[in-house]
């Protein structure tokens, strides 16, 4: 299955002394979905949470290789999915995606 979509990078910046804010930048990439699985995980709510265990392999540019640790989410099938892990497989990056991305989350892959 082919992939064409946007990937979100996040970096924390100091906007004034002692105040930090996450800045997000999206870039478009092409590649392949090399694993396409889903599962439901029990959560704190009444309904189970949908978790993906998909791997999207993108053809990476120099920016992606330099900033792979800042990758936060992948837009796929109309939703933002958080990136759980990144594996370098030059000239590609393999992104493992999990649950739905929450805009208020921060963290590194």
Protein backbone atom coordinates (compact mmCIF):
# COMPACT_ATOMS: atom_id res chain seq x y z
CA UNK A 1 0.00 0.00 0.00
CA UNK A 2 1.35 3.42 -0.92
CA UNK A 3 1.59 6.38 1.46
CA UNK A 4 1.46 10.07 0.60
CA UNK A 5 0.88 12.48 3.42
CA UNK A 6 2.15 14.97 5.93
CA UNK A 7 4.40 14.32 8.90
CA UNK A 8 4.47 16.68 11.87
CA UNK A 9 7.71 17.70 13.56
CA UNK A 10 7.69 19.37 16.95
CA UNK A 11 10.41 21.35 18.67
CA UNK A 12 10.25 23.20 21.96
CA UNK A 13 11.25 26.86 21.74
CA UNK A 14 11.72 29.48 24.43
CA UNK A 15 9.30 32.27 23.50
CA UNK A 16 10.34 34.48 26.43
CA UNK A 17 12.58 33.85 29.42
CA UNK A 18 11.32 30.78 31.26
CA UNK A 19 8.33 30.21 28.94
CA UNK A 20 8.51 27.37 26.41
CA UNK A 21 6.13 26.42 23.64
CA UNK A 22 5.95 23.51 21.20
CA UNK A 23 6.27 24.64 17.58
CA UNK A 24 4.95 22.20 14.98
CA UNK A 25 5.94 22.06 11.32
CA UNK A 26 4.44 19.69 8.75
CA UNK A 27 6.21 18.33 5.65
CA UNK A 28 4.91 16.07 2.90
CA UNK A 29 6.46 12.66 2.19
CA UNK A 30 5.91 9.61 0.00
CA UNK A 31 6.47 5.98 0.85
CA UNK A 32 4.84 2.67 1.65
CA UNK A 33 2.74 1.20 4.44
CA UNK A 34 4.75 -1.93 5.25
CA UNK A 35 2.60 -3.15 8.15
CA UNK A 36 -1.11 -2.42 8.60
CA UNK A 37 -2.58 -3.76 11.86
CA UNK A 38 -4.93 -2.53 14.54
CA UNK A 39 -6.02 -3.56 18.01
CA UNK A 40 -8.20 -2.27 20.79
CA UNK A 41 -6.64 -1.54 24.14
CA UNK A 42 -8.50 -1.17 27.40
CA UNK A 43 -8.35 2.37 28.66
CA UNK A 44 -9.71 4.37 31.55
CA UNK A 45 -12.88 5.18 29.63
CA UNK A 46 -15.91 3.00 28.96
CA UNK A 47 -14.85 2.33 25.37
CA UNK A 48 -11.58 0.67 24.37
CA UNK A 49 -8.94 2.78 22.62
CA UNK A 50 -8.01 2.04 19.02
CA UNK A 51 -4.26 1.40 18.72
CA UNK A 52 -2.43 0.92 15.47
CA UNK A 53 0.82 -0.95 15.08
CA UNK A 54 1.41 0.25 11.54
CA UNK A 55 4.77 0.93 9.98
CA UNK A 56 5.09 3.61 7.31
CA UNK A 57 8.38 3.67 5.43
CA UNK A 58 9.05 7.10 3.90
CA UNK A 59 11.67 8.23 1.43
CA UNK A 60 13.51 10.67 3.68
CA UNK A 61 15.11 13.96 2.76
CA UNK A 62 18.06 15.53 4.63
CA UNK A 63 15.64 17.43 6.92
CA UNK A 64 13.96 14.17 7.98
CA UNK A 65 17.30 12.52 8.81
CA UNK A 66 18.49 15.54 10.77
CA UNK A 67 15.23 15.98 12.72
CA UNK A 68 13.94 12.38 13.05
CA UNK A 69 13.87 12.68 16.86
CA UNK A 70 11.35 15.54 16.53
CA UNK A 71 8.77 13.56 14.53
CA UNK A 72 5.51 13.69 16.51
CA UNK A 73 2.73 12.47 14.20
CA UNK A 74 1.75 11.12 10.79
CA UNK A 75 -1.43 12.16 9.00
CA UNK A 76 -2.93 8.99 7.56
CA UNK A 77 -6.51 8.19 6.51
CA UNK A 78 -7.68 11.62 7.61
CA UNK A 79 -6.38 11.45 11.19
CA UNK A 80 -3.21 12.37 13.07
CA UNK A 81 -1.49 9.29 14.56
CA UNK A 82 1.33 9.57 17.07
CA UNK A 83 4.70 8.15 16.13
CA UNK A 84 5.87 5.57 18.67
CA UNK A 85 9.24 4.87 17.07
CA UNK A 86 11.55 5.75 14.20
CA UNK A 87 14.05 3.39 12.59
CA UNK A 88 16.70 4.67 10.18
CA UNK A 89 16.99 2.48 7.09
CA UNK A 90 18.87 4.76 4.71
CA UNK A 91 17.53 6.22 2.39
CA UNK A 92 14.28 5.68 4.30
CA UNK A 93 12.84 6.18 7.76
CA UNK A 94 10.42 3.56 9.12
CA UNK A 95 7.82 5.15 11.38
CA UNK A 96 5.80 2.99 13.79
CA UNK A 97 2.50 4.66 14.60
CA UNK A 98 0.17 4.03 17.53
CA UNK A 99 -2.83 5.84 18.96
CA UNK A 100 -4.52 9.03 17.89
CA UNK A 101 -2.29 12.08 18.34
CA UNK A 102 -3.42 14.55 20.98
CA UNK A 103 -2.47 18.12 20.07
CA UNK A 104 -1.58 18.82 23.71
CA UNK A 105 0.99 15.99 23.91
CA UNK A 106 4.71 16.54 23.82
CA UNK A 107 7.55 14.06 23.76
CA UNK A 108 10.05 12.49 21.44
CA UNK A 109 9.91 9.44 19.25
